[in-house]
Structure formats: C-alpha cells, structure tokens
N, C-alpha and C. Protein backbone atom coordinates (compact mmCIF):
# COMPACT_ATOMS: atom_id res chain seq x y z
N UNK A 1 239.10 -128.51 135.04
CA UNK A 1 239.13 -129.10 136.36
C UNK A 1 238.80 -128.02 137.39
N UNK A 2 237.95 -128.35 138.33
CA UNK A 2 237.56 -127.41 139.37
C UNK A 2 238.71 -127.21 140.35
N UNK A 3 238.70 -126.04 140.99
CA UNK A 3 239.77 -125.70 141.94
C UNK A 3 239.93 -126.76 143.03
N UNK A 4 238.82 -127.16 143.65
CA UNK A 4 238.91 -128.12 144.75
C UNK A 4 239.45 -129.47 144.28
N UNK A 5 239.09 -129.87 143.05
CA UNK A 5 239.62 -131.12 142.49
C UNK A 5 241.13 -131.00 142.26
N UNK A 6 241.54 -129.85 141.76
CA UNK A 6 242.96 -129.61 141.51
C UNK A 6 243.74 -129.62 142.83
N UNK A 7 243.20 -129.01 143.83
CA UNK A 7 243.87 -128.96 145.14
C UNK A 7 244.00 -130.37 145.73
N UNK A 8 242.96 -131.16 145.61
CA UNK A 8 243.03 -132.54 146.11
C UNK A 8 244.06 -133.36 145.33
N UNK A 9 244.09 -133.15 144.01
CA UNK A 9 245.08 -133.85 143.18
C UNK A 9 246.49 -133.45 143.58
N UNK A 10 246.72 -132.17 143.86
CA UNK A 10 248.04 -131.70 144.31
C UNK A 10 248.47 -132.42 145.58
N UNK A 11 247.53 -132.66 146.47
CA UNK A 11 247.87 -133.31 147.74
C UNK A 11 248.08 -134.82 147.57
N UNK A 12 247.30 -135.41 146.68
CA UNK A 12 247.36 -136.85 146.48
C UNK A 12 248.51 -137.25 145.56
N UNK A 13 248.66 -136.54 144.45
CA UNK A 13 249.68 -136.85 143.44
C UNK A 13 250.29 -135.53 142.96
N UNK A 14 251.30 -135.03 143.69
CA UNK A 14 251.86 -133.71 143.38
C UNK A 14 252.29 -133.53 141.92
N UNK A 15 252.91 -134.54 141.33
CA UNK A 15 253.37 -134.39 139.94
C UNK A 15 252.20 -134.15 138.99
N UNK A 16 251.18 -134.97 139.10
CA UNK A 16 250.00 -134.80 138.24
C UNK A 16 249.29 -133.49 138.56
N UNK A 17 249.22 -133.15 139.83
CA UNK A 17 248.56 -131.92 140.24
C UNK A 17 249.28 -130.69 139.70
N UNK A 18 250.60 -130.70 139.76
CA UNK A 18 251.37 -129.56 139.25
C UNK A 18 251.24 -129.45 137.74
N UNK A 19 251.23 -130.59 137.05
CA UNK A 19 251.02 -130.56 135.60
C UNK A 19 249.65 -130.00 135.24
N UNK A 20 248.64 -130.42 136.00
CA UNK A 20 247.28 -129.91 135.76
C UNK A 20 247.20 -128.41 136.07
N UNK A 21 247.87 -127.98 137.14
CA UNK A 21 247.87 -126.55 137.48
C UNK A 21 248.57 -125.74 136.40
N UNK A 22 249.65 -126.28 135.87
CA UNK A 22 250.38 -125.59 134.81
C UNK A 22 249.54 -125.47 133.55
N UNK A 23 248.83 -126.57 133.20
CA UNK A 23 247.95 -126.53 132.03
C UNK A 23 246.81 -125.54 132.24
N UNK A 24 246.22 -125.55 133.40
CA UNK A 24 245.05 -124.72 133.66
C UNK A 24 245.37 -123.26 133.96
N UNK A 25 246.46 -123.04 134.67
CA UNK A 25 246.75 -121.68 135.13
C UNK A 25 248.10 -121.13 134.66
N UNK A 26 248.87 -121.93 133.94
CA UNK A 26 250.19 -121.49 133.47
C UNK A 26 250.14 -120.20 132.66
N UNK A 27 249.24 -120.10 131.67
CA UNK A 27 249.19 -118.85 130.89
C UNK A 27 248.85 -117.62 131.74
N UNK A 28 247.99 -117.79 132.73
CA UNK A 28 247.63 -116.68 133.61
C UNK A 28 248.84 -116.25 134.44
N UNK A 29 249.52 -117.21 135.04
CA UNK A 29 250.70 -116.91 135.87
C UNK A 29 251.77 -116.23 135.02
N UNK A 30 251.99 -116.78 133.83
CA UNK A 30 253.01 -116.21 132.94
C UNK A 30 252.64 -114.78 132.54
N UNK A 31 251.38 -114.53 132.26
CA UNK A 31 250.95 -113.18 131.85
C UNK A 31 251.22 -112.16 132.96
N UNK A 32 250.98 -112.55 134.20
CA UNK A 32 251.25 -111.65 135.33
C UNK A 32 252.75 -111.38 135.43
N UNK A 33 253.54 -112.43 135.32
CA UNK A 33 254.99 -112.30 135.51
C UNK A 33 255.68 -111.55 134.37
N UNK A 34 255.21 -111.73 133.14
CA UNK A 34 255.83 -111.07 131.99
C UNK A 34 255.69 -109.55 132.10
N UNK A 35 254.61 -109.09 132.70
CA UNK A 35 254.43 -107.64 132.89
C UNK A 35 255.44 -107.09 133.89
N UNK A 36 255.87 -107.91 134.83
CA UNK A 36 256.79 -107.45 135.88
C UNK A 36 258.24 -107.73 135.49
N UNK A 37 258.47 -108.86 134.83
CA UNK A 37 259.83 -109.30 134.47
C UNK A 37 259.95 -109.47 132.96
N UNK A 38 259.91 -108.37 132.19
CA UNK A 38 259.87 -108.52 130.73
C UNK A 38 261.20 -108.84 130.08
N UNK A 39 262.31 -108.73 130.78
CA UNK A 39 263.61 -108.83 130.13
C UNK A 39 264.08 -110.25 129.84
N UNK A 40 263.99 -111.12 130.81
CA UNK A 40 264.59 -112.44 130.66
C UNK A 40 263.55 -113.52 130.92
N UNK A 41 263.24 -114.33 129.91
CA UNK A 41 262.25 -115.40 130.10
C UNK A 41 262.64 -116.39 131.19
N UNK A 42 263.94 -116.50 131.48
CA UNK A 42 264.37 -117.42 132.54
C UNK A 42 263.87 -116.96 133.91
N UNK A 43 263.81 -115.64 134.10
CA UNK A 43 263.28 -115.11 135.36
C UNK A 43 261.80 -115.44 135.50
N UNK A 44 261.07 -115.33 134.39
CA UNK A 44 259.65 -115.66 134.40
C UNK A 44 259.47 -117.15 134.72
N UNK A 45 260.25 -118.01 134.07
CA UNK A 45 260.14 -119.45 134.30
C UNK A 45 260.46 -119.80 135.76
N UNK A 46 261.50 -119.16 136.30
CA UNK A 46 261.87 -119.43 137.69
C UNK A 46 260.75 -119.02 138.64
N UNK A 47 260.16 -117.86 138.39
CA UNK A 47 259.06 -117.40 139.24
C UNK A 47 257.83 -118.29 139.07
N UNK A 48 257.57 -118.74 137.84
CA UNK A 48 256.45 -119.66 137.63
C UNK A 48 256.63 -120.92 138.47
N UNK A 49 257.85 -121.44 138.48
CA UNK A 49 258.14 -122.62 139.29
C UNK A 49 257.92 -122.32 140.77
N UNK A 50 258.35 -121.14 141.22
CA UNK A 50 258.17 -120.76 142.63
C UNK A 50 256.68 -120.66 142.99
N UNK A 51 255.88 -120.12 142.07
CA UNK A 51 254.45 -119.99 142.32
C UNK A 51 253.81 -121.37 142.42
N UNK A 52 254.20 -122.27 141.52
CA UNK A 52 253.63 -123.63 141.55
C UNK A 52 254.06 -124.39 142.81
N UNK A 53 255.28 -124.19 143.25
CA UNK A 53 255.74 -124.82 144.49
C UNK A 53 254.93 -124.26 145.67
N UNK A 54 254.70 -122.94 145.66
CA UNK A 54 253.89 -122.33 146.72
C UNK A 54 252.47 -122.91 146.71
N UNK A 55 251.92 -123.12 145.51
CA UNK A 55 250.60 -123.71 145.39
C UNK A 55 250.58 -125.11 146.00
N UNK A 56 251.58 -125.89 145.69
CA UNK A 56 251.66 -127.26 146.23
C UNK A 56 251.79 -127.22 147.76
N UNK A 57 252.65 -126.35 148.26
CA UNK A 57 252.86 -126.27 149.71
C UNK A 57 251.62 -125.78 150.45
N UNK A 58 250.86 -124.90 149.82
CA UNK A 58 249.69 -124.30 150.48
C UNK A 58 248.39 -125.04 150.17
N UNK A 59 248.47 -126.15 149.45
CA UNK A 59 247.25 -126.83 148.98
C UNK A 59 246.31 -127.18 150.14
N UNK A 60 246.84 -127.70 151.22
CA UNK A 60 246.00 -128.06 152.37
C UNK A 60 245.28 -126.86 152.95
N UNK A 61 245.99 -125.79 153.13
CA UNK A 61 245.41 -124.55 153.67
C UNK A 61 244.36 -123.98 152.70
N UNK A 62 244.69 -124.01 151.41
CA UNK A 62 243.75 -123.50 150.41
C UNK A 62 242.45 -124.32 150.40
N UNK A 63 242.60 -125.63 150.60
CA UNK A 63 241.42 -126.50 150.63
C UNK A 63 240.57 -126.20 151.87
N UNK A 64 241.21 -126.09 153.02
CA UNK A 64 240.48 -125.82 154.27
C UNK A 64 239.74 -124.49 154.20
N UNK A 65 240.37 -123.49 153.59
CA UNK A 65 239.76 -122.15 153.53
C UNK A 65 238.89 -121.96 152.29
N UNK A 66 238.84 -122.99 151.44
CA UNK A 66 238.08 -122.93 150.20
C UNK A 66 238.43 -121.68 149.38
N UNK A 67 239.73 -121.45 149.28
CA UNK A 67 240.24 -120.28 148.57
C UNK A 67 240.16 -120.50 147.07
N UNK A 68 239.59 -119.56 146.34
CA UNK A 68 239.58 -119.68 144.88
C UNK A 68 241.02 -119.54 144.35
N UNK A 69 241.40 -120.40 143.44
CA UNK A 69 242.79 -120.43 142.98
C UNK A 69 243.17 -119.26 142.10
N UNK A 70 242.33 -118.83 141.22
CA UNK A 70 242.70 -117.77 140.27
C UNK A 70 243.21 -116.52 140.99
N UNK A 71 242.45 -115.92 141.92
CA UNK A 71 242.97 -114.72 142.59
C UNK A 71 244.20 -115.02 143.45
N UNK A 72 244.21 -116.18 144.08
CA UNK A 72 245.37 -116.54 144.91
C UNK A 72 246.62 -116.64 144.03
N UNK A 73 246.51 -117.26 142.87
CA UNK A 73 247.65 -117.40 141.97
C UNK A 73 248.09 -116.06 141.41
N UNK A 74 247.14 -115.18 141.10
CA UNK A 74 247.50 -113.85 140.59
C UNK A 74 248.30 -113.09 141.63
N UNK A 75 247.82 -113.08 142.86
CA UNK A 75 248.52 -112.35 143.94
C UNK A 75 249.88 -112.98 144.22
N UNK A 76 249.93 -114.30 144.26
CA UNK A 76 251.19 -114.99 144.53
C UNK A 76 252.20 -114.73 143.41
N UNK A 77 251.75 -114.79 142.16
CA UNK A 77 252.63 -114.53 141.02
C UNK A 77 253.12 -113.08 141.05
N UNK A 78 252.22 -112.16 141.34
CA UNK A 78 252.58 -110.75 141.42
C UNK A 78 253.65 -110.53 142.49
N UNK A 79 253.43 -111.07 143.67
CA UNK A 79 254.39 -110.90 144.76
C UNK A 79 255.74 -111.54 144.45
N UNK A 80 255.69 -112.71 143.87
CA UNK A 80 256.93 -113.40 143.48
C UNK A 80 257.68 -112.59 142.43
N UNK A 81 256.96 -112.08 141.44
CA UNK A 81 257.57 -111.28 140.38
C UNK A 81 258.18 -110.00 140.92
N UNK A 82 257.48 -109.34 141.81
CA UNK A 82 257.99 -108.10 142.39
C UNK A 82 259.24 -108.38 143.23
N UNK A 83 259.21 -109.44 144.01
CA UNK A 83 260.39 -109.81 144.80
C UNK A 83 261.59 -110.06 143.89
N UNK A 84 261.36 -110.80 142.81
CA UNK A 84 262.43 -111.10 141.86
C UNK A 84 262.93 -109.83 141.18
N UNK A 85 262.01 -108.95 140.80
CA UNK A 85 262.37 -107.69 140.15
C UNK A 85 263.27 -106.86 141.07
N UNK A 86 262.87 -106.74 142.33
CA UNK A 86 263.67 -105.96 143.28
C UNK A 86 265.04 -106.60 143.50
N UNK A 87 265.08 -107.90 143.55
CA UNK A 87 266.35 -108.61 143.72
C UNK A 87 267.27 -108.35 142.52
N UNK A 88 266.72 -108.45 141.32
CA UNK A 88 267.50 -108.20 140.11
C UNK A 88 267.95 -106.75 140.03
N UNK A 89 267.08 -105.85 140.41
CA UNK A 89 267.39 -104.42 140.36
C UNK A 89 268.52 -104.08 141.33
N UNK A 90 268.44 -104.63 142.55
CA UNK A 90 269.51 -104.38 143.52
C UNK A 90 270.83 -104.92 143.00
N UNK A 91 270.79 -106.12 142.44
CA UNK A 91 272.02 -106.75 141.93
C UNK A 91 272.60 -105.93 140.77
N UNK A 92 271.74 -105.52 139.84
CA UNK A 92 272.22 -104.76 138.68
C UNK A 92 272.74 -103.39 139.09
N UNK A 93 272.06 -102.75 140.02
CA UNK A 93 272.48 -101.41 140.43
C UNK A 93 273.79 -101.44 141.20
N UNK A 94 274.04 -102.52 141.90
CA UNK A 94 275.25 -102.59 142.70
C UNK A 94 276.46 -103.04 141.91
N UNK A 95 276.24 -103.65 140.74
CA UNK A 95 277.38 -104.14 139.98
C UNK A 95 277.85 -103.06 139.02
N UNK A 96 278.96 -102.45 139.36
CA UNK A 96 279.57 -101.44 138.50
C UNK A 96 280.17 -102.17 137.30
N UNK A 97 280.71 -101.42 136.36
CA UNK A 97 281.26 -102.11 135.20
C UNK A 97 282.42 -103.00 135.63
N UNK A 98 282.78 -103.96 134.79
CA UNK A 98 283.74 -104.99 135.17
C UNK A 98 285.10 -104.40 135.53
N UNK A 99 285.54 -103.40 134.78
CA UNK A 99 286.85 -102.83 135.04
C UNK A 99 286.92 -102.15 136.40
N UNK A 100 285.89 -101.36 136.73
CA UNK A 100 285.87 -100.69 138.02
C UNK A 100 285.74 -101.73 139.14
N UNK A 101 284.91 -102.74 138.91
CA UNK A 101 284.77 -103.80 139.91
C UNK A 101 286.09 -104.50 140.17
N UNK A 102 286.83 -104.75 139.09
CA UNK A 102 288.14 -105.39 139.24
C UNK A 102 289.09 -104.46 140.01
N UNK A 103 289.05 -103.18 139.69
CA UNK A 103 289.90 -102.23 140.38
C UNK A 103 289.55 -102.17 141.85
N UNK A 104 288.25 -102.18 142.17
CA UNK A 104 287.84 -102.18 143.57
C UNK A 104 288.30 -103.45 144.27
N UNK A 105 288.23 -104.58 143.55
CA UNK A 105 288.72 -105.83 144.11
C UNK A 105 290.20 -105.76 144.40
N UNK A 106 290.94 -105.14 143.49
CA UNK A 106 292.37 -104.98 143.70
C UNK A 106 292.65 -104.09 144.91
N UNK A 107 291.82 -103.04 145.04
CA UNK A 107 291.99 -102.15 146.19
C UNK A 107 291.71 -102.90 147.48
N UNK A 108 290.65 -103.68 147.49
CA UNK A 108 290.32 -104.45 148.69
C UNK A 108 291.45 -105.42 149.03
N UNK A 109 291.98 -106.05 147.99
CA UNK A 109 293.08 -106.99 148.21
C UNK A 109 294.34 -106.24 148.64
N UNK A 110 294.59 -105.10 147.99
CA UNK A 110 295.78 -104.31 148.29
C UNK A 110 295.75 -103.81 149.73
N UNK A 111 294.61 -103.31 150.17
CA UNK A 111 294.49 -102.77 151.53
C UNK A 111 294.08 -103.82 152.55
N UNK A 112 293.70 -104.99 152.06
CA UNK A 112 293.22 -106.08 152.93
C UNK A 112 291.98 -105.69 153.71
N UNK A 113 291.24 -104.71 153.21
CA UNK A 113 290.01 -104.34 153.90
C UNK A 113 289.03 -103.74 152.91
N UNK A 114 287.93 -104.44 152.71
CA UNK A 114 286.92 -103.95 151.76
C UNK A 114 286.31 -102.64 152.25
N UNK A 115 286.26 -102.45 153.56
CA UNK A 115 285.68 -101.20 154.06
C UNK A 115 286.53 -100.02 153.65
N UNK A 116 287.84 -100.19 153.56
CA UNK A 116 288.71 -99.11 153.08
C UNK A 116 288.37 -98.78 151.63
N UNK A 117 288.11 -99.81 150.82
CA UNK A 117 287.75 -99.59 149.41
C UNK A 117 286.44 -98.81 149.33
N UNK A 118 285.47 -99.21 150.13
CA UNK A 118 284.18 -98.52 150.13
C UNK A 118 284.35 -97.08 150.60
N UNK A 119 285.16 -96.86 151.61
CA UNK A 119 285.39 -95.50 152.11
C UNK A 119 286.05 -94.63 151.03
N UNK A 120 287.04 -95.20 150.34
CA UNK A 120 287.73 -94.44 149.30
C UNK A 120 286.78 -94.10 148.16
N UNK A 121 286.01 -95.08 147.71
CA UNK A 121 285.05 -94.83 146.62
C UNK A 121 284.02 -93.81 147.09
N UNK A 122 283.54 -93.94 148.32
CA UNK A 122 282.58 -92.98 148.86
C UNK A 122 283.15 -91.56 148.86
N UNK A 123 284.41 -91.42 149.24
CA UNK A 123 285.05 -90.10 149.25
C UNK A 123 285.19 -89.56 147.83
N UNK A 124 285.54 -90.43 146.89
CA UNK A 124 285.68 -89.99 145.50
C UNK A 124 284.33 -89.57 144.92
N UNK A 125 283.29 -90.31 145.25
CA UNK A 125 281.95 -89.96 144.77
C UNK A 125 281.51 -88.64 145.41
N UNK A 126 281.77 -88.46 146.70
CA UNK A 126 281.38 -87.23 147.39
C UNK A 126 282.09 -86.01 146.79
N UNK A 127 283.28 -86.22 146.24
CA UNK A 127 284.05 -85.12 145.67
C UNK A 127 283.63 -84.80 144.23
N UNK A 128 282.75 -85.61 143.65
CA UNK A 128 282.29 -85.35 142.27
C UNK A 128 281.52 -84.04 142.21
N UNK A 129 281.56 -83.42 141.04
CA UNK A 129 280.77 -82.21 140.81
C UNK A 129 279.33 -82.60 140.51
N UNK A 130 278.39 -81.69 140.85
CA UNK A 130 277.01 -81.95 140.44
C UNK A 130 276.90 -81.81 138.93
N UNK A 131 276.04 -82.50 138.25
CA UNK A 131 275.06 -83.44 138.77
C UNK A 131 275.59 -84.86 138.89
N UNK A 132 276.87 -85.07 138.54
CA UNK A 132 277.42 -86.43 138.57
C UNK A 132 277.32 -87.06 139.96
N UNK A 133 277.62 -86.28 140.99
CA UNK A 133 277.54 -86.82 142.35
C UNK A 133 276.13 -87.32 142.63
N UNK A 134 275.12 -86.51 142.30
CA UNK A 134 273.74 -86.92 142.57
C UNK A 134 273.35 -88.14 141.73
N UNK A 135 273.80 -88.18 140.49
CA UNK A 135 273.50 -89.34 139.64
C UNK A 135 274.09 -90.61 140.25
N UNK A 136 275.35 -90.54 140.68
CA UNK A 136 275.98 -91.72 141.29
C UNK A 136 275.29 -92.11 142.59
N UNK A 137 274.96 -91.15 143.42
CA UNK A 137 274.30 -91.46 144.68
C UNK A 137 272.94 -92.10 144.43
N UNK A 138 272.20 -91.55 143.48
CA UNK A 138 270.89 -92.11 143.17
C UNK A 138 271.01 -93.53 142.59
N UNK A 139 271.99 -93.74 141.72
CA UNK A 139 272.14 -95.04 141.05
C UNK A 139 272.67 -96.11 142.00
N UNK A 140 273.77 -95.82 142.69
CA UNK A 140 274.47 -96.87 143.42
C UNK A 140 274.18 -96.92 144.92
N UNK A 141 273.55 -95.88 145.44
CA UNK A 141 273.22 -95.89 146.86
C UNK A 141 271.70 -95.97 147.07
N UNK A 142 270.94 -95.22 146.27
CA UNK A 142 269.49 -95.26 146.38
C UNK A 142 268.87 -96.31 145.46
N UNK A 143 269.70 -96.88 144.58
CA UNK A 143 269.29 -97.97 143.67
C UNK A 143 268.17 -97.56 142.71
N UNK A 144 268.20 -96.32 142.25
CA UNK A 144 267.23 -95.86 141.28
C UNK A 144 267.67 -96.27 139.87
N UNK A 145 266.71 -96.43 138.99
CA UNK A 145 267.03 -96.75 137.60
C UNK A 145 267.46 -95.47 136.88
N UNK A 146 268.11 -95.65 135.75
CA UNK A 146 268.52 -94.49 134.95
C UNK A 146 267.30 -93.67 134.54
N UNK A 147 266.21 -94.34 134.25
CA UNK A 147 264.98 -93.66 133.85
C UNK A 147 264.45 -92.80 135.00
N UNK A 148 264.47 -93.35 136.22
CA UNK A 148 264.01 -92.59 137.38
C UNK A 148 264.92 -91.38 137.64
N UNK A 149 266.22 -91.59 137.50
CA UNK A 149 267.18 -90.50 137.71
C UNK A 149 266.95 -89.41 136.66
N UNK A 150 266.78 -89.82 135.42
CA UNK A 150 266.57 -88.86 134.33
C UNK A 150 265.33 -88.01 134.61
N UNK A 151 264.26 -88.64 135.06
CA UNK A 151 263.03 -87.90 135.35
C UNK A 151 263.24 -86.93 136.52
N UNK A 152 263.93 -87.37 137.55
CA UNK A 152 264.15 -86.53 138.73
C UNK A 152 265.05 -85.34 138.43
N UNK A 153 266.01 -85.52 137.53
CA UNK A 153 266.97 -84.46 137.25
C UNK A 153 266.68 -83.72 135.94
N UNK A 154 265.55 -84.04 135.33
CA UNK A 154 265.14 -83.40 134.08
C UNK A 154 266.23 -83.54 133.01
N UNK A 155 266.68 -84.78 132.82
CA UNK A 155 267.70 -85.11 131.83
C UNK A 155 267.16 -86.25 130.97
N UNK A 156 267.84 -86.54 129.89
CA UNK A 156 267.47 -87.72 129.11
C UNK A 156 268.13 -88.94 129.76
N UNK A 157 267.53 -90.09 129.54
CA UNK A 157 268.09 -91.33 130.07
C UNK A 157 269.48 -91.58 129.48
N UNK A 158 269.65 -91.25 128.20
CA UNK A 158 270.95 -91.40 127.55
C UNK A 158 272.02 -90.54 128.21
N UNK A 159 271.66 -89.32 128.57
CA UNK A 159 272.62 -88.43 129.24
C UNK A 159 273.02 -88.99 130.60
N UNK A 160 272.06 -89.55 131.31
CA UNK A 160 272.36 -90.16 132.62
C UNK A 160 273.33 -91.32 132.42
N UNK A 161 273.03 -92.19 131.47
CA UNK A 161 273.89 -93.35 131.22
C UNK A 161 275.29 -92.93 130.78
N UNK A 162 275.38 -91.89 129.97
CA UNK A 162 276.69 -91.38 129.53
C UNK A 162 277.47 -90.86 130.73
N UNK A 163 276.81 -90.09 131.60
CA UNK A 163 277.49 -89.56 132.78
C UNK A 163 277.92 -90.68 133.73
N UNK A 164 277.10 -91.72 133.84
CA UNK A 164 277.48 -92.86 134.68
C UNK A 164 278.71 -93.56 134.11
N UNK A 165 278.72 -93.77 132.81
CA UNK A 165 279.85 -94.44 132.16
C UNK A 165 281.14 -93.62 132.33
N UNK A 166 281.04 -92.33 132.05
CA UNK A 166 282.21 -91.47 132.20
C UNK A 166 282.65 -91.38 133.65
N UNK A 167 281.69 -91.33 134.55
CA UNK A 167 282.01 -91.27 135.97
C UNK A 167 282.72 -92.53 136.46
N UNK A 168 282.27 -93.68 135.98
CA UNK A 168 282.94 -94.94 136.37
C UNK A 168 284.37 -94.95 135.86
N UNK A 169 284.56 -94.48 134.63
CA UNK A 169 285.90 -94.41 134.06
C UNK A 169 286.78 -93.45 134.88
N UNK A 170 286.21 -92.30 135.24
CA UNK A 170 286.95 -91.33 136.05
C UNK A 170 287.32 -91.93 137.41
N UNK A 171 286.40 -92.65 138.04
CA UNK A 171 286.68 -93.31 139.32
C UNK A 171 287.81 -94.33 139.16
N UNK A 172 287.73 -95.10 138.08
CA UNK A 172 288.76 -96.12 137.83
C UNK A 172 290.13 -95.45 137.71
N UNK A 173 290.20 -94.36 136.96
CA UNK A 173 291.48 -93.64 136.80
C UNK A 173 291.97 -93.08 138.14
N UNK A 174 291.06 -92.52 138.93
CA UNK A 174 291.44 -91.96 140.23
C UNK A 174 291.97 -93.05 141.16
N UNK A 175 291.33 -94.20 141.11
CA UNK A 175 291.80 -95.31 141.95
C UNK A 175 293.18 -95.77 141.50
N UNK A 176 293.40 -95.81 140.19
CA UNK A 176 294.72 -96.21 139.69
C UNK A 176 295.76 -95.16 140.06
N UNK A 177 295.42 -93.88 140.06
CA UNK A 177 296.36 -92.83 140.46
C UNK A 177 296.76 -92.99 141.93
N UNK A 178 295.90 -93.59 142.71
CA UNK A 178 296.20 -93.82 144.12
C UNK A 178 297.00 -95.11 144.29
N UNK A 179 297.42 -95.69 143.16
CA UNK A 179 298.26 -96.89 143.22
C UNK A 179 297.48 -98.18 143.19
N UNK A 180 296.21 -98.11 142.95
CA UNK A 180 295.39 -99.30 142.91
C UNK A 180 295.23 -99.72 141.46
N UNK A 181 295.50 -100.97 141.17
CA UNK A 181 295.33 -101.48 139.82
C UNK A 181 296.58 -101.37 138.96
N UNK A 182 297.57 -100.59 139.37
CA UNK A 182 298.77 -100.45 138.54
C UNK A 182 299.66 -101.68 138.64
N UNK A 183 299.41 -102.50 139.67
CA UNK A 183 300.22 -103.71 139.83
C UNK A 183 299.57 -104.91 139.21
N UNK A 184 298.40 -104.76 138.58
CA UNK A 184 297.66 -105.89 138.03
C UNK A 184 298.21 -106.28 136.68
C-alpha cells in the first residue's frame, strides 16, 4: 500500500489504517526500538503503540505535506524510544535497593519531612571516602550507568556494582544507627 493511500485510510477508518500501518511498517518500527530498548519487550510494544498513535494523530499533516512515511516513522520511533530509555534510566537510577528505600521511607515518616531524609542521606554520601562518594554521586545524582562510571573511574563494572551494593548497605546501617528503622 502506498503511503498516501495508508494516510487516507488512517483518516477514514483508523482501525483498518492502524492495522495496515502495523503490517507494513511494524517490523521497521520494532527494529528501531529494539536497538534502543533491548531489555523488556513490553517497553518496545508500548513505544510501538505510541508511534502508531502519533501516526494516526499526524495523518492529516503528513498528507498535506506529502511526507514519506518510512523516514518519519524511523525518526518518530527513535525519539519515542530515546524518551522511554531516559525515563526508565532515571527511574532505575533513582530507585535504591528495597531495604534502603524502606529505611528512607521510615526516616521520612519518622521526621515527617522527606527533605530531612534527603539532607541526611546527602550528608552521609558526602562523608563517604573516595571513590565510593564519586560512584554514588555519579549513580544517584548524575544518573550515570554503572558502565559509564566504570569507564570514567577506570574500574570494572562489577567493582562499581559491588561498591554500590556495599555503600547502600553501609548507608542503611548508618541510618539505623541514627534511630531510623529500628522501630520497624
């Protein structure tokens, strides 16, 4: 099916148009997204749906501008995948292990102020010895991956992950010594 025919079908009968777009361009969209989001097929599927919705919403504009669909879909899929990747990366980098997260929650509840918890954790991280302090700052404040940190600090990725794990445990113990978590 030609691009202009597909665009007209999207406007006239969105369900049939989206099915035709998926048949014609689904493998291309998926190939772009899998390179960006290789871990979870659900992320790829969600982005594919977002790209197809964007195609449906922009069909009128694409028709008026006689935009070729293949490059438009590649760019749209790429941008959607990158946005999703950054969102997932921020979420993963900010979520400490469950035990430390629970302890921080207890601290926030205990002090009735999350900012106090953040200040205390910030002070504890600032008091860490190098290279642990830099690893924590890079991971949880600059949102770098373990691989990026390892390259920057000339360490193995495994060593970075080990230091992060031990550091989280040390933070958890320090918070408990300050009376946080001992009442749980």
